C-alpha atoms as a PDB file:
ATOM      1  CA  MET A   1       0.000   0.000   0.000  1.00  0.00           C
ATOM      2  CA  ASP A   2       1.519   3.331  -1.041  1.00  0.00           C
ATOM      3  CA  HIS A   3       1.789   6.387   1.195  1.00  0.00           C
ATOM      4  CA  ARG A   4      -1.140   8.171  -0.466  1.00  0.00           C
ATOM      5  CA  ASN A   5      -3.428   5.167  -0.056  1.00  0.00           C
ATOM      6  CA  GLU A   6      -2.420   4.866   3.601  1.00  0.00           C
ATOM      7  CA  ALA A   7      -3.161   8.559   4.223  1.00  0.00           C
ATOM      8  CA  PHE A   8      -6.639   8.266   2.745  1.00  0.00           C
ATOM      9  CA  LYS A   9      -7.291   5.042   4.654  1.00  0.00           C
ATOM     10  CA  ARG A  10      -6.507   6.851   7.908  1.00  0.00           C
ATOM     11  CA  LYS A  11      -8.803   9.676   6.831  1.00  0.00           C
ATOM     12  CA  PHE A  12     -11.692   7.323   6.032  1.00  0.00           C
ATOM     13  CA  ASP A  13     -11.134   5.377   9.262  1.00  0.00           C
ATOM     14  CA  ASP A  14     -11.306   8.615  11.252  1.00  0.00           C
ATOM     15  CA  ALA A  15     -14.389   9.821   9.384  1.00  0.00           C
ATOM     16  CA  ALA A  16     -16.078   6.436   9.779  1.00  0.00           C
ATOM     17  CA  ARG A  17     -15.512   6.492  13.536  1.00  0.00           C
ATOM     18  CA  ARG A  18     -17.068   9.950  13.831  1.00  0.00           C
ATOM     19  CA  LEU A  19     -20.029   9.151  11.588  1.00  0.00           C
ATOM     20  CA  GLY A  20     -20.637   5.709  13.065  1.00  0.00           C
ATOM     21  CA  VAL A  21     -20.148   3.490   9.998  1.00  0.00           C
ATOM     22  CA  GLU A  22     -17.503   1.278   8.385  1.00  0.00           C
ATOM     23  CA  ALA A  23     -14.679   2.928   6.441  1.00  0.00           C
ATOM     24  CA  ASP A  24     -15.886   1.559   3.085  1.00  0.00           C
ATOM     25  CA  ARG A  25     -19.152   3.499   3.571  1.00  0.00           C
ATOM     26  CA  ILE A  26     -17.347   6.863   3.590  1.00  0.00           C
ATOM     27  CA  VAL A  27     -17.240   9.002   0.435  1.00  0.00           C
ATOM     28  CA  SER A  28     -15.058  12.061  -0.092  1.00  0.00           C
ATOM     29  CA  MET A  29     -16.282  14.837  -2.381  1.00  0.00           C
ATOM     30  CA  LYS A  30     -13.492  17.324  -3.081  1.00  0.00           C
ATOM     31  CA  LEU A  31     -13.930  20.600  -4.974  1.00  0.00           C
ATOM     32  CA  ARG A  32     -10.603  21.246  -6.655  1.00  0.00           C
ATOM     33  CA  GLU A  33      -9.912  25.013  -6.618  1.00  0.00           C
ATOM     34  CA  ASN A  34      -7.515  27.454  -5.015  1.00  0.00           C
ATOM     35  CA  VAL A  35      -8.684  29.099  -1.790  1.00  0.00           C
ATOM     36  CA  GLY A  36      -7.290  32.511  -1.016  1.00  0.00           C
ATOM     37  CA  SER A  37      -8.008  32.508   2.725  1.00  0.00           C
ATOM     38  CA  TYR A  38      -9.292  30.066   5.319  1.00  0.00           C
ATOM     39  CA  SER A  39     -11.649  32.828   6.428  1.00  0.00           C
ATOM     40  CA  GLU A  40     -13.903  31.700   3.573  1.00  0.00           C
ATOM     41  CA  TYR A  41     -14.483  28.404   5.402  1.00  0.00           C
ATOM     42  CA  HIS A  42     -15.271  30.225   8.636  1.00  0.00           C
ATOM     43  CA  GLU A  43     -17.711  32.462   6.809  1.00  0.00           C
ATOM     44  CA  LEU A  44     -19.365  29.398   5.307  1.00  0.00           C
ATOM     45  CA  LEU A  45     -19.834  27.864   8.758  1.00  0.00           C
ATOM     46  CA  GLN A  46     -21.483  31.032  10.032  1.00  0.00           C
ATOM     47  CA  VAL A  47     -23.842  31.151   7.049  1.00  0.00           C
ATOM     48  CA  LEU A  48     -24.817  27.516   7.538  1.00  0.00           C
ATOM     49  CA  LYS A  49     -25.546  28.091  11.215  1.00  0.00           C
ATOM     50  CA  GLN A  50     -27.368  31.409  10.965  1.00  0.00           C
ATOM     51  CA  GLU A  51     -29.410  30.785   7.823  1.00  0.00           C
ATOM     52  CA  PHE A  52     -30.014  27.032   7.984  1.00  0.00           C
ATOM     53  CA  GLY A  53     -29.613  26.159  11.658  1.00  0.00           C
ATOM     54  CA  ILE A  54     -26.788  23.696  11.003  1.00  0.00           C
ATOM     55  CA  GLN A  55     -24.720  23.006  14.108  1.00  0.00           C
ATOM     56  CA  TRP A  56     -20.996  22.359  13.879  1.00  0.00           C
ATOM     57  CA  GLN A  57     -17.953  21.670  15.994  1.00  0.00           C
ATOM     58  CA  ALA A  58     -14.260  21.728  15.155  1.00  0.00           C
ATOM     59  CA  ILE A  59     -12.441  18.379  15.365  1.00  0.00           C
ATOM     60  CA  ASP A  60      -8.847  17.196  15.177  1.00  0.00           C
ATOM     61  CA  GLY A  61      -7.745  13.906  13.677  1.00  0.00           C
ATOM     62  CA  ASP A  62      -6.378  12.259  10.537  1.00  0.00           C
ATOM     63  CA  LEU A  63      -8.467  14.240   8.057  1.00  0.00           C
ATOM     64  CA  GLN A  64      -5.477  15.830   6.263  1.00  0.00           C
ATOM     65  CA  GLY A  65      -6.756  19.248   7.266  1.00  0.00           C
ATOM     66  CA  LYS A  66      -8.824  21.003   9.910  1.00  0.00           C
ATOM     67  CA  GLY A  67     -12.184  19.307  10.114  1.00  0.00           C
ATOM     68  CA  TYR A  68     -15.692  20.164  11.280  1.00  0.00           C
ATOM     69  CA  LEU A  69     -18.548  17.870  12.209  1.00  0.00           C
ATOM     70  CA  LEU A  70     -21.814  19.298  10.869  1.00  0.00           C
ATOM     71  CA  SER A  71     -25.348  18.220  11.772  1.00  0.00           C
ATOM     72  CA  ASP A  72     -28.856  19.372  10.886  1.00  0.00           C
ATOM     73  CA  GLY A  73     -30.471  17.144  13.510  1.00  0.00           C
ATOM     74  CA  THR A  74     -31.133  14.381  10.982  1.00  0.00           C
ATOM     75  CA  ALA A  75     -27.817  13.729   9.252  1.00  0.00           C
ATOM     76  CA  ARG A  76     -24.145  14.387   9.886  1.00  0.00           C
ATOM     77  CA  VAL A  77     -21.240  15.075   7.527  1.00  0.00           C
ATOM     78  CA  LEU A  78     -17.638  16.186   7.875  1.00  0.00           C
ATOM     79  CA  MET A  79     -16.189  19.285   6.246  1.00  0.00           C
ATOM     80  CA  VAL A  80     -12.426  19.658   5.817  1.00  0.00           C
ATOM     81  CA  GLU A  81     -10.454  22.829   5.041  1.00  0.00           C
ATOM     82  CA  HIS A  82      -7.855  22.669   2.262  1.00  0.00           C
ATOM     83  CA  GLU A  83      -5.913  25.302   0.365  1.00  0.00           C
ATOM     84  CA  THR A  84      -6.925  23.364  -2.738  1.00  0.00           C
ATOM     85  CA  GLY A  85     -10.658  23.459  -2.051  1.00  0.00           C
ATOM     86  CA  LEU A  86     -13.560  22.296   0.106  1.00  0.00           C
ATOM     87  CA  GLU A  87     -13.857  18.608   1.007  1.00  0.00           C
ATOM     88  CA  ILE A  88     -17.047  16.935   2.250  1.00  0.00           C
ATOM     89  CA  LEU A  89     -17.021  13.468   3.799  1.00  0.00           C
ATOM     90  CA  TYR A  90     -20.408  11.758   3.970  1.00  0.00           C
ATOM     91  CA  ILE A  91     -21.974   8.303   4.262  1.00  0.00           C
ATOM     92  CA  ALA A  92     -22.657   6.471   1.013  1.00  0.00           C
ATOM     93  CA  GLY A  93     -26.378   5.878   0.688  1.00  0.00           C
ATOM     94  CA  SER A  94     -27.338   8.510   3.262  1.00  0.00           C
ATOM     95  CA  ILE A  95     -30.284  10.183   1.536  1.00  0.00           C
ATOM     96  CA  ALA A  96     -30.674  12.639   4.415  1.00  0.00           C
ATOM     97  CA  SER A  97     -27.151  13.903   3.691  1.00  0.00           C
ATOM     98  CA  LEU A  98     -27.436  13.881  -0.089  1.00  0.00           C
ATOM     99  CA  ILE A  99     -30.689  15.852  -0.246  1.00  0.00           C
ATOM    100  CA  GLY A 100     -30.020  17.991   2.809  1.00  0.00           C
ATOM    101  CA  LEU A 101     -26.588  18.813   4.140  1.00  0.00           C
ATOM    102  CA  VAL A 102     -24.390  18.250   1.097  1.00  0.00           C
ATOM    103  CA  PRO A 103     -26.373  20.515  -1.288  1.00  0.00           C
ATOM    104  CA  LEU A 104     -26.506  23.242   1.387  1.00  0.00           C
ATOM    105  CA  LEU A 105     -22.739  23.113   1.793  1.00  0.00           C
ATOM    106  CA  LEU A 106     -22.189  23.312  -1.966  1.00  0.00           C
ATOM    107  CA  GLN A 107     -24.641  26.164  -2.420  1.00  0.00           C
ATOM    108  CA  GLY A 108     -23.195  28.042   0.548  1.00  0.00           C
ATOM    109  CA  TRP A 109     -19.674  27.528  -0.723  1.00  0.00           C
ATOM    110  CA  ARG A 110     -20.603  28.790  -4.186  1.00  0.00           C
ATOM    111  CA  GLY A 111     -22.143  31.883  -2.587  1.00  0.00           C
ATOM    112  CA  ILE A 112     -19.058  32.604  -0.482  1.00  0.00           C
ATOM    113  CA  ARG A 113     -16.687  32.010  -3.361  1.00  0.00           C
ATOM    114  CA  GLY A 114     -18.830  34.015  -5.769  1.00  0.00           C
ATOM    115  CA  TRP A 115     -18.908  37.034  -3.484  1.00  0.00           C
ATOM    116  CA  SER A 116     -15.204  36.827  -2.681  1.00  0.00           C
ATOM    117  CA  VAL A 117     -13.659  36.280  -6.122  1.00  0.00           C
ATOM    118  CA  GLY A 118     -16.363  37.625  -8.410  1.00  0.00           C
ATOM    119  CA  ARG A 119     -17.450  34.353 -10.002  1.00  0.00           C
ATOM    120  CA  HIS A 120     -21.132  33.803 -10.721  1.00  0.00           C
ATOM    121  CA  ARG A 121     -22.013  30.490 -12.287  1.00  0.00           C
ATOM    122  CA  GLU A 122     -24.653  27.844 -11.800  1.00  0.00           C
ATOM    123  CA  SER A 123     -22.332  24.864 -11.520  1.00  0.00           C
ATOM    124  CA  VAL A 124     -19.367  23.490  -9.609  1.00  0.00           C
ATOM    125  CA  ARG A 125     -16.342  22.315 -11.570  1.00  0.00           C
ATOM    126  CA  GLY A 126     -13.422  20.051 -10.847  1.00  0.00           C
ATOM    127  CA  VAL A 127     -15.119  17.629  -8.433  1.00  0.00           C
ATOM    128  CA  GLU A 128     -13.213  14.564  -7.228  1.00  0.00           C
ATOM    129  CA  ILE A 129     -15.029  11.595  -5.676  1.00  0.00           C
ATOM    130  CA  ARG A 130     -12.924   9.187  -3.587  1.00  0.00           C
ATOM    131  CA  ARG A 131     -13.676   6.118  -1.500  1.00  0.00           C
ATOM    132  CA  LEU A 132     -12.191   2.763  -0.510  1.00  0.00           C
ATOM    133  CA  ASP A 133     -13.236  -0.406  -2.320  1.00  0.00           C
ATOM    134  CA  GLU A 134     -13.973  -3.737  -0.613  1.00  0.00           C
ATOM    135  CA  ASN A 135     -10.238  -4.515  -0.633  1.00  0.00           C
ATOM    136  CA  GLY A 136      -9.270  -1.229   1.025  1.00  0.00           C
ATOM    137  CA  ARG A 137      -7.843   0.306  -2.154  1.00  0.00           C
ATOM    138  CA  LEU A 138      -8.453   3.941  -2.974  1.00  0.00           C
ATOM    139  CA  THR A 139     -10.746   4.593  -5.942  1.00  0.00           C
ATOM    140  CA  GLU A 140     -11.122   7.986  -7.609  1.00  0.00           C
ATOM    141  CA  GLU A 141     -13.496   9.566 -10.086  1.00  0.00           C
ATOM    142  CA  HIS A 142     -13.141  13.020 -11.613  1.00  0.00           C
ATOM    143  CA  ILE A 143     -16.263  14.971 -12.599  1.00  0.00           C
ATOM    144  CA  HIS A 144     -15.716  18.113 -14.641  1.00  0.00           C
ATOM    145  CA  ASP A 145     -19.011  19.906 -14.065  1.00  0.00           C
ATOM    146  CA  ILE A 146     -22.084  19.395 -11.847  1.00  0.00           C
ATOM    147  CA  PRO A 147     -25.187  21.625 -11.559  1.00  0.00           C
ATOM    148  CA  ILE A 148     -25.423  23.577  -8.310  1.00  0.00           C
ATOM    149  CA  VAL A 149     -29.229  23.289  -8.382  1.00  0.00           C
ATOM    150  CA  THR A 150     -29.069  19.744  -7.103  1.00  0.00           C
ATOM    151  CA  GLY A 151     -25.475  19.873  -5.929  1.00  0.00           C
ATOM    152  CA  ILE A 152     -25.080  16.128  -6.423  1.00  0.00           C
ATOM    153  CA  PRO A 153     -23.500  14.411  -9.434  1.00  0.00           C
ATOM    154  CA  ASN A 154     -25.559  11.660 -11.061  1.00  0.00           C
ATOM    155  CA  GLN A 155     -22.727   9.240 -10.348  1.00  0.00           C
ATOM    156  CA  VAL A 156     -23.040   9.950  -6.615  1.00  0.00           C
ATOM    157  CA  LEU A 157     -26.815   9.444  -6.643  1.00  0.00           C
ATOM    158  CA  ALA A 158     -26.432   6.192  -8.543  1.00  0.00           C
ATOM    159  CA  SER A 159     -23.847   4.976  -6.049  1.00  0.00           C
ATOM    160  CA  ALA A 160     -26.119   5.911  -3.150  1.00  0.00           C
ATOM    161  CA  ALA A 161     -29.053   4.090  -4.725  1.00  0.00           C
ATOM    162  CA  LYS A 162     -26.922   0.968  -5.158  1.00  0.00           C
ATOM    163  CA  VAL A 163     -25.922   1.030  -1.495  1.00  0.00           C
ATOM    164  CA  ILE A 164     -29.541   1.418  -0.411  1.00  0.00           C
ATOM    165  CA  GLU A 165     -30.666  -1.445  -2.660  1.00  0.00           C
ATOM    166  CA  ASN A 166     -28.006  -3.720  -1.177  1.00  0.00           C
ATOM    167  CA  GLU A 167     -29.048  -2.773   2.354  1.00  0.00           C
ATOM    168  CA  LEU A 168     -32.717  -3.415   1.582  1.00  0.00           C
ATOM    169  CA  ARG A 169     -31.833  -6.798   0.090  1.00  0.00           C
ATOM    170  CA  GLN A 170     -29.862  -7.729   3.208  1.00  0.00           C
ATOM    171  CA  LEU A 171     -32.672  -6.559   5.492  1.00  0.00           C
ATOM    172  CA  THR A 172     -35.206  -8.581   3.515  1.00  0.00           C
ATOM    173  CA  GLN A 173     -33.076 -11.706   3.868  1.00  0.00           C
ATOM    174  CA  LYS A 174     -32.671 -11.110   7.607  1.00  0.00           C
ATOM    175  CA  LEU A 175     -36.430 -10.618   8.034  1.00  0.00           C
ATOM    176  CA  ARG A 176     -37.163 -13.877   6.202  1.00  0.00           C
ATOM    177  CA  SER A 177     -34.634 -15.736   8.342  1.00  0.00           C
ATOM    178  CA  LEU A 178     -36.085 -14.191  11.505  1.00  0.00           C
ATOM    179  CA  ALA A 179     -39.637 -15.121  10.458  1.00  0.00           C
ATOM    180  CA  GLN A 180     -38.547 -18.737   9.929  1.00  0.00           C
ATOM    181  CA  ARG A 181     -36.882 -18.863  13.337  1.00  0.00           C
ATOM    182  CA  VAL A 182     -39.969 -17.402  15.029  1.00  0.00           C
ATOM    183  CA  GLU A 183     -42.157 -19.971  13.293  1.00  0.00           C
ATOM    184  CA  ILE A 184     -39.928 -22.825  14.502  1.00  0.00           C
ATOM    185  CA  LEU A 185     -39.929 -21.468  18.068  1.00  0.00           C
ATOM    186  CA  GLU A 186     -43.703 -21.116  18.057  1.00  0.00           C
ATOM    187  CA  LYS A 187     -44.077 -24.745  16.969  1.00  0.00           C
ATOM    188  CA  ARG A 188     -41.696 -25.915  19.712  1.00  0.00           C
ATOM    189  CA  ILE A 189     -43.509 -23.915  22.369  1.00  0.00           C
ATOM    190  CA  ALA A 190     -46.885 -25.182  21.173  1.00  0.00           C
ATOM    191  CA  PHE A 191     -45.625 -28.799  21.297  1.00  0.00           C
ATOM    192  CA  LYS A 192     -44.215 -28.449  24.819  1.00  0.00           C
ATOM    193  CA  THR A 193     -47.292 -26.744  26.258  1.00  0.00           C
ATOM    194  CA  LYS A 194     -49.770 -29.145  24.651  1.00  0.00           C
ATOM    195  CA  LYS A 195     -50.887 -31.810  27.201  1.00  0.00           C
ATOM    196  CA  PRO A 196     -51.475 -35.374  25.998  1.00  0.00           C
ATOM    197  CA  ASN A 197     -55.052 -36.741  26.278  1.00  0.00           C
ATOM    198  CA  SER A 198     -53.918 -39.505  28.614  1.00  0.00           C
ATOM    199  CA  ALA A 199     -52.972 -36.931  31.210  1.00  0.00           C
ATOM    200  CA  LYS A 200     -56.510 -35.627  31.456  1.00  0.00           C
ATOM    201  CA  PRO A 201     -58.496 -36.973  34.436  1.00  0.00           C
ATOM    202  CA  LYS A 202     -61.175 -39.521  33.551  1.00  0.00           C
ATOM    203  CA  LYS A 203     -64.815 -38.722  34.036  1.00  0.00           C
ATOM    204  CA  GLY A 204     -66.008 -39.796  37.442  1.00  0.00           C
ATOM    205  CA  ALA A 205     -62.489 -39.900  38.884  1.00  0.00           C
ATOM    206  CA  LEU A 206     -63.149 -36.792  40.875  1.00  0.00           C
ATOM    207  CA  ARG A 207     -66.415 -38.246  42.242  1.00  0.00           C
ATOM    208  CA  LYS A 208     -64.676 -41.513  43.182  1.00  0.00           C
ATOM    209  CA  ASN A 209     -61.866 -39.823  45.073  1.00  0.00           C
ATOM    210  CA  ALA A 210     -63.978 -37.118  46.591  1.00  0.00           C
ATOM    211  CA  LYS A 211     -64.461 -37.279  50.357  1.00  0.00           C
ATOM    212  CA  PRO A 212     -68.064 -37.698  51.570  1.00  0.00           C
ATOM    213  CA  LYS A 213     -69.648 -34.616  52.897  1.00  0.00           C
ATOM    214  CA  SER A 214     -70.154 -34.495  56.660  1.00  0.00           C
ATOM    215  CA  HIS A 215     -73.682 -33.824  57.928  1.00  0.00           C
END
């Protein structure tokens, strides 16, 4: 494993621990552009908090830059500062993140960058998507242009849908297995609690064994 792969593995391990999933569920979306000042990131955090109610806290770790844990009460993502552009770490298949937090971050970042450097466009360019495969190897995909209206590349949505489908398939299999186990247990319990006919007292046995009443 080369040094670069090791660095990203540490990053994904750290992000996975903070977001409560396995490392292969973490996706990195990096916007490749030069940032003039880190104050742009701080301004973005203030906008997200004041206008959208997103809470955040600074964190230290192996994120290859200063990181922030962001939450809207439903989903959580990580934001990392870089001189070479904004990075967002999120959970693959997390619809709450993909339709909520991630688009807000991208739209807020476009607004901050537009006001600061005089660029006004309706898309984000130079997006890099990274994650670890099932063997722990780093995979990368470069997307030249994505619309800021949705803020999510089609490739990312397709990947998220695939993860959700796999999870639903696994849940369905677990539910079927659980239903079979419950059925077996119910049959065992019914068999154990069922009394054989021979154990029932014969008619008249109570009268025969009953003590005579005293007068």
